[in-house]
Amino acid sequence: MKNLITIIAVLTITFTSAFATTTPETLISTTDVEVVTVGTSDIFTTADFDAATDNLNFTTNDNISVIQIFDAEGNLEFSLPVMSDNVKINKNLFGEGTYQLGFILEGQSQMHSTSVTVK
């Protein structure tokens, strides 16, 4: 009986963690850039790339306090105060490669991450 309870507990934990894992969602995909969520995407109302101005445009449900930009090795490149629910980041800020954008919303300590690939 004890073994049966242990097996059920292990299976329950395994299935719970499997279903709790978020699936990455592609927010932007063009010939120039690709932006994929690393965690949840429900903070964004819109996300697009304006090829005429080379801007990544993000609009969120709540004001963004800070955006942090990390290189492929996880080193902090920039920490930009925003204080708005709408932000434009020029593609020229990045070199070719993969970066992480960390969005910290006002009143929250959790960072919402996206992966940005500049082609």
N, C-alpha and C. Protein backbone atom coordinates (compact mmCIF):
# COMPACT_ATOMS: atom_id res chain seq x y z
N MET A 1 0.82 -1.19 0.00
CA MET A 1 0.00 0.00 0.00
C MET A 1 0.87 1.27 0.00
N LYS A 2 1.94 1.23 0.81
CA LYS A 2 2.83 2.37 0.89
C LYS A 2 3.48 2.64 -0.47
N ASN A 3 3.88 1.56 -1.16
CA ASN A 3 4.49 1.72 -2.49
C ASN A 3 3.49 2.28 -3.49
N LEU A 4 2.25 1.86 -3.41
CA LEU A 4 1.22 2.35 -4.31
C LEU A 4 1.01 3.84 -4.14
N ILE A 5 0.97 4.30 -2.90
CA ILE A 5 0.81 5.74 -2.62
C ILE A 5 2.01 6.52 -3.14
N THR A 6 3.20 5.99 -2.97
CA THR A 6 4.41 6.65 -3.47
C THR A 6 4.37 6.74 -4.99
N ILE A 7 3.98 5.68 -5.67
CA ILE A 7 3.92 5.68 -7.13
C ILE A 7 2.88 6.70 -7.62
N ILE A 8 1.72 6.73 -6.97
CA ILE A 8 0.69 7.70 -7.35
C ILE A 8 1.18 9.12 -7.15
N ALA A 9 1.87 9.38 -6.04
CA ALA A 9 2.40 10.72 -5.77
C ALA A 9 3.42 11.13 -6.82
N VAL A 10 4.32 10.22 -7.18
CA VAL A 10 5.34 10.52 -8.20
C VAL A 10 4.69 10.79 -9.54
N LEU A 11 3.72 9.99 -9.93
CA LEU A 11 3.02 10.19 -11.21
C LEU A 11 2.27 11.52 -11.23
N THR A 12 1.63 11.85 -10.11
CA THR A 12 0.90 13.11 -10.03
C THR A 12 1.84 14.30 -10.18
N ILE A 13 2.96 14.28 -9.51
CA ILE A 13 3.94 15.36 -9.61
C ILE A 13 4.48 15.46 -11.03
N THR A 14 4.78 14.32 -11.65
CA THR A 14 5.30 14.31 -13.02
C THR A 14 4.30 14.91 -14.00
N PHE A 15 3.05 14.50 -13.92
CA PHE A 15 2.03 15.01 -14.84
C PHE A 15 1.74 16.49 -14.58
N THR A 16 1.74 16.89 -13.34
CA THR A 16 1.51 18.30 -13.01
C THR A 16 2.59 19.18 -13.59
N SER A 17 3.85 18.79 -13.44
CA SER A 17 4.93 19.61 -13.98
C SER A 17 4.94 19.59 -15.49
N ALA A 18 4.55 18.49 -16.10
CA ALA A 18 4.51 18.41 -17.56
C ALA A 18 3.45 19.35 -18.13
N PHE A 19 2.29 19.42 -17.49
CA PHE A 19 1.22 20.27 -17.99
C PHE A 19 1.42 21.73 -17.59
N ALA A 20 2.19 21.99 -16.57
CA ALA A 20 2.43 23.37 -16.13
C ALA A 20 3.48 24.07 -16.97
N THR A 21 4.26 23.33 -17.73
CA THR A 21 5.29 23.92 -18.56
C THR A 21 4.64 24.70 -19.69
N THR A 22 5.09 25.95 -19.89
CA THR A 22 4.52 26.77 -20.95
C THR A 22 5.19 26.47 -22.27
N THR A 23 4.41 26.54 -23.33
CA THR A 23 4.93 26.33 -24.67
C THR A 23 5.34 27.68 -25.22
N PRO A 24 6.56 27.79 -25.75
CA PRO A 24 6.97 29.07 -26.33
C PRO A 24 6.03 29.49 -27.46
N GLU A 25 5.74 30.78 -27.52
CA GLU A 25 4.86 31.31 -28.54
C GLU A 25 5.64 32.33 -29.37
N THR A 26 5.55 32.22 -30.68
CA THR A 26 6.22 33.18 -31.56
C THR A 26 5.38 34.44 -31.63
N LEU A 27 5.95 35.56 -31.18
CA LEU A 27 5.25 36.84 -31.22
C LEU A 27 5.49 37.55 -32.54
N ILE A 28 6.74 37.49 -33.04
CA ILE A 28 7.12 38.16 -34.28
C ILE A 28 8.00 37.21 -35.08
N SER A 29 7.73 37.09 -36.37
CA SER A 29 8.59 36.28 -37.23
C SER A 29 8.65 36.94 -38.60
N THR A 30 9.80 37.53 -38.92
CA THR A 30 10.02 38.15 -40.22
C THR A 30 11.36 37.68 -40.76
N THR A 31 11.73 38.17 -41.93
CA THR A 31 13.04 37.84 -42.49
C THR A 31 14.16 38.52 -41.72
N ASP A 32 13.83 39.57 -40.93
CA ASP A 32 14.84 40.32 -40.19
C ASP A 32 15.00 39.88 -38.74
N VAL A 33 13.87 39.59 -38.07
CA VAL A 33 13.90 39.25 -36.65
C VAL A 33 12.85 38.19 -36.33
N GLU A 34 13.11 37.51 -35.19
CA GLU A 34 12.12 36.59 -34.64
C GLU A 34 12.09 36.80 -33.14
N VAL A 35 10.89 36.92 -32.58
CA VAL A 35 10.73 37.10 -31.14
C VAL A 35 9.82 35.98 -30.64
N VAL A 36 10.33 35.22 -29.67
CA VAL A 36 9.62 34.08 -29.11
C VAL A 36 9.55 34.26 -27.60
N THR A 37 8.38 34.00 -27.01
CA THR A 37 8.25 34.09 -25.56
C THR A 37 9.01 32.94 -24.91
N VAL A 38 9.62 33.22 -23.79
CA VAL A 38 10.31 32.20 -23.01
C VAL A 38 9.36 31.70 -21.91
N GLY A 39 8.51 32.55 -21.43
CA GLY A 39 7.54 32.19 -20.41
C GLY A 39 6.15 32.47 -20.92
N THR A 40 5.43 33.29 -20.20
CA THR A 40 4.06 33.61 -20.56
C THR A 40 3.99 34.77 -21.55
N SER A 41 3.03 34.72 -22.45
CA SER A 41 2.87 35.79 -23.43
C SER A 41 1.66 36.66 -23.13
N ASP A 42 0.95 36.37 -22.04
CA ASP A 42 -0.29 37.09 -21.77
C ASP A 42 -0.08 38.53 -21.30
N ILE A 43 1.16 38.98 -21.13
CA ILE A 43 1.40 40.37 -20.76
C ILE A 43 1.33 41.29 -21.98
N PHE A 44 1.45 40.71 -23.19
CA PHE A 44 1.50 41.51 -24.41
C PHE A 44 0.12 41.64 -25.04
N THR A 45 -0.26 42.87 -25.42
CA THR A 45 -1.47 43.05 -26.21
C THR A 45 -1.12 43.02 -27.69
N THR A 46 0.03 43.61 -28.05
CA THR A 46 0.53 43.54 -29.42
C THR A 46 2.05 43.47 -29.41
N ALA A 47 2.58 42.86 -30.45
CA ALA A 47 4.03 42.83 -30.67
C ALA A 47 4.23 42.73 -32.18
N ASP A 48 5.03 43.65 -32.73
CA ASP A 48 5.28 43.59 -34.17
C ASP A 48 6.63 44.21 -34.50
N PHE A 49 7.01 44.06 -35.77
CA PHE A 49 8.26 44.63 -36.26
C PHE A 49 7.93 45.55 -37.41
N ASP A 50 8.36 46.82 -37.30
CA ASP A 50 8.16 47.81 -38.36
C ASP A 50 9.43 47.86 -39.21
N ALA A 51 9.38 47.24 -40.39
CA ALA A 51 10.56 47.16 -41.26
C ALA A 51 11.00 48.53 -41.77
N ALA A 52 10.07 49.47 -41.88
CA ALA A 52 10.42 50.81 -42.38
C ALA A 52 11.32 51.56 -41.40
N THR A 53 11.09 51.35 -40.09
CA THR A 53 11.90 52.04 -39.08
C THR A 53 12.85 51.10 -38.34
N ASP A 54 12.79 49.79 -38.64
CA ASP A 54 13.58 48.77 -37.95
C ASP A 54 13.30 48.71 -36.45
N ASN A 55 12.05 48.99 -36.07
CA ASN A 55 11.67 48.98 -34.66
C ASN A 55 10.89 47.73 -34.28
N LEU A 56 11.25 47.14 -33.14
CA LEU A 56 10.43 46.15 -32.48
C LEU A 56 9.45 46.92 -31.61
N ASN A 57 8.15 46.69 -31.79
CA ASN A 57 7.11 47.42 -31.05
C ASN A 57 6.38 46.46 -30.12
N PHE A 58 6.35 46.80 -28.84
CA PHE A 58 5.65 45.98 -27.85
C PHE A 58 4.65 46.85 -27.11
N THR A 59 3.43 46.33 -26.95
CA THR A 59 2.42 46.96 -26.11
C THR A 59 1.98 45.93 -25.09
N THR A 60 1.93 46.34 -23.84
CA THR A 60 1.59 45.41 -22.75
C THR A 60 0.30 45.84 -22.06
N ASN A 61 -0.26 44.93 -21.28
CA ASN A 61 -1.46 45.21 -20.51
C ASN A 61 -1.20 46.24 -19.42
N ASP A 62 -0.04 46.16 -18.79
CA ASP A 62 0.35 47.07 -17.70
C ASP A 62 1.61 47.83 -18.10
N ASN A 63 1.90 48.91 -17.39
CA ASN A 63 3.11 49.67 -17.67
C ASN A 63 4.36 48.84 -17.43
N ILE A 64 5.31 48.98 -18.32
CA ILE A 64 6.61 48.32 -18.19
C ILE A 64 7.48 49.24 -17.34
N SER A 65 8.04 48.71 -16.28
CA SER A 65 8.93 49.48 -15.43
C SER A 65 10.33 49.53 -16.04
N VAL A 66 10.86 48.34 -16.39
CA VAL A 66 12.23 48.23 -16.90
C VAL A 66 12.28 47.13 -17.96
N ILE A 67 13.09 47.35 -18.98
CA ILE A 67 13.43 46.28 -19.92
C ILE A 67 14.92 46.03 -19.79
N GLN A 68 15.26 44.76 -19.62
CA GLN A 68 16.67 44.37 -19.55
C GLN A 68 17.00 43.57 -20.80
N ILE A 69 18.14 43.87 -21.39
CA ILE A 69 18.59 43.18 -22.60
C ILE A 69 19.85 42.40 -22.26
N PHE A 70 19.79 41.08 -22.51
CA PHE A 70 20.90 40.18 -22.23
C PHE A 70 21.44 39.61 -23.53
N ASP A 71 22.77 39.42 -23.60
CA ASP A 71 23.35 38.78 -24.78
C ASP A 71 23.16 37.27 -24.70
N ALA A 72 23.69 36.54 -25.69
CA ALA A 72 23.49 35.09 -25.78
C ALA A 72 24.08 34.35 -24.59
N GLU A 73 25.09 34.92 -23.93
CA GLU A 73 25.72 34.28 -22.77
C GLU A 73 25.03 34.66 -21.46
N GLY A 74 23.99 35.50 -21.53
CA GLY A 74 23.27 35.90 -20.33
C GLY A 74 23.83 37.12 -19.64
N ASN A 75 24.77 37.81 -20.28
CA ASN A 75 25.34 39.04 -19.71
C ASN A 75 24.40 40.21 -19.96
N LEU A 76 24.17 41.03 -18.94
CA LEU A 76 23.31 42.20 -19.06
C LEU A 76 24.00 43.24 -19.95
N GLU A 77 23.34 43.58 -21.06
CA GLU A 77 23.87 44.59 -21.99
C GLU A 77 23.30 45.97 -21.66
N PHE A 78 21.97 46.02 -21.44
CA PHE A 78 21.28 47.28 -21.17
C PHE A 78 20.18 47.05 -20.14
N SER A 79 19.92 48.06 -19.36
CA SER A 79 18.76 48.10 -18.48
C SER A 79 18.09 49.44 -18.73
N LEU A 80 16.92 49.38 -19.36
CA LEU A 80 16.27 50.60 -19.83
C LEU A 80 14.99 50.88 -19.05
N PRO A 81 14.91 52.01 -18.33
CA PRO A 81 13.65 52.37 -17.67
C PRO A 81 12.63 52.79 -18.73
N VAL A 82 11.39 52.35 -18.59
CA VAL A 82 10.38 52.61 -19.62
C VAL A 82 9.22 53.43 -19.07
N MET A 83 8.53 52.94 -18.03
CA MET A 83 7.38 53.60 -17.40
C MET A 83 6.26 53.89 -18.40
N SER A 84 5.99 52.92 -19.26
CA SER A 84 4.92 53.03 -20.25
C SER A 84 4.46 51.63 -20.62
N ASP A 85 3.28 51.54 -21.24
CA ASP A 85 2.80 50.24 -21.70
C ASP A 85 3.12 50.03 -23.18
N ASN A 86 3.86 50.97 -23.76
CA ASN A 86 4.23 50.89 -25.17
C ASN A 86 5.72 51.21 -25.32
N VAL A 87 6.46 50.32 -25.97
CA VAL A 87 7.89 50.54 -26.12
C VAL A 87 8.33 50.16 -27.53
N LYS A 88 9.27 50.94 -28.06
CA LYS A 88 9.87 50.66 -29.36
C LYS A 88 11.36 50.49 -29.16
N ILE A 89 11.90 49.39 -29.67
CA ILE A 89 13.33 49.12 -29.55
C ILE A 89 13.86 48.94 -30.96
N ASN A 90 14.85 49.76 -31.32
CA ASN A 90 15.40 49.70 -32.67
C ASN A 90 16.28 48.47 -32.84
N LYS A 91 16.14 47.81 -33.96
CA LYS A 91 16.90 46.60 -34.26
C LYS A 91 18.41 46.87 -34.27
N ASN A 92 18.80 48.11 -34.58
CA ASN A 92 20.22 48.45 -34.65
C ASN A 92 20.89 48.42 -33.28
N LEU A 93 20.10 48.35 -32.22
CA LEU A 93 20.64 48.21 -30.87
C LEU A 93 21.30 46.84 -30.69
N PHE A 94 20.89 45.89 -31.52
CA PHE A 94 21.40 44.52 -31.45
C PHE A 94 22.33 44.25 -32.62
N GLY A 95 23.30 43.39 -32.40
CA GLY A 95 24.06 42.84 -33.51
C GLY A 95 23.34 41.58 -33.97
N GLU A 96 23.86 40.93 -34.97
CA GLU A 96 23.27 39.68 -35.41
C GLU A 96 23.45 38.63 -34.33
N GLY A 97 22.41 37.88 -34.03
CA GLY A 97 22.49 36.85 -33.00
C GLY A 97 21.23 36.77 -32.17
N THR A 98 21.33 36.09 -31.04
CA THR A 98 20.18 35.86 -30.16
C THR A 98 20.37 36.61 -28.85
N TYR A 99 19.30 37.25 -28.41
CA TYR A 99 19.29 38.05 -27.18
C TYR A 99 18.06 37.69 -26.37
N GLN A 100 18.08 38.03 -25.10
CA GLN A 100 16.92 37.89 -24.23
C GLN A 100 16.45 39.28 -23.82
N LEU A 101 15.15 39.53 -23.96
CA LEU A 101 14.56 40.75 -23.44
C LEU A 101 13.79 40.38 -22.19
N GLY A 102 14.06 41.08 -21.09
CA GLY A 102 13.35 40.85 -19.85
C GLY A 102 12.46 42.04 -19.54
N PHE A 103 11.16 41.82 -19.49
CA PHE A 103 10.19 42.87 -19.20
C PHE A 103 9.78 42.76 -17.73
N ILE A 104 10.01 43.82 -16.97
CA ILE A 104 9.54 43.88 -15.58
C ILE A 104 8.43 44.92 -15.53
N LEU A 105 7.24 44.47 -15.16
CA LEU A 105 6.09 45.35 -15.13
C LEU A 105 6.01 46.08 -13.79
N GLU A 106 5.39 47.28 -13.81
CA GLU A 106 5.25 48.07 -12.58
C GLU A 106 4.52 47.27 -11.52
N GLY A 107 5.06 47.31 -10.31
CA GLY A 107 4.45 46.63 -9.18
C GLY A 107 4.74 45.14 -9.12
N GLN A 108 5.57 44.64 -10.02
CA GLN A 108 5.91 43.22 -10.03
C GLN A 108 7.43 43.07 -9.94
N SER A 109 7.86 41.94 -9.41
CA SER A 109 9.30 41.66 -9.37
C SER A 109 9.68 40.60 -10.39
N GLN A 110 8.68 39.88 -10.90
CA GLN A 110 8.93 38.81 -11.87
C GLN A 110 9.31 39.40 -13.23
N MET A 111 10.33 38.81 -13.86
CA MET A 111 10.74 39.24 -15.19
C MET A 111 10.08 38.31 -16.22
N HIS A 112 9.43 38.90 -17.21
CA HIS A 112 8.83 38.15 -18.31
C HIS A 112 9.81 38.21 -19.48
N SER A 113 10.22 37.05 -19.96
CA SER A 113 11.32 37.00 -20.94
C SER A 113 10.86 36.64 -22.34
N THR A 114 11.55 37.21 -23.31
CA THR A 114 11.40 36.84 -24.71
C THR A 114 12.79 36.60 -25.28
N SER A 115 12.86 35.76 -26.27
CA SER A 115 14.10 35.52 -27.00
C SER A 115 14.00 36.25 -28.32
N VAL A 116 15.00 37.09 -28.62
CA VAL A 116 15.02 37.86 -29.86
C VAL A 116 16.19 37.37 -30.70
N THR A 117 15.89 36.95 -31.92
CA THR A 117 16.93 36.54 -32.86
C THR A 117 16.98 37.55 -33.99
N VAL A 118 18.13 38.20 -34.14
CA VAL A 118 18.33 39.16 -35.22
C VAL A 118 19.08 38.45 -36.32
N LYS A 119 18.50 38.44 -37.51
CA LYS A 119 19.06 37.71 -38.64
C LYS A 119 19.92 38.60 -39.51
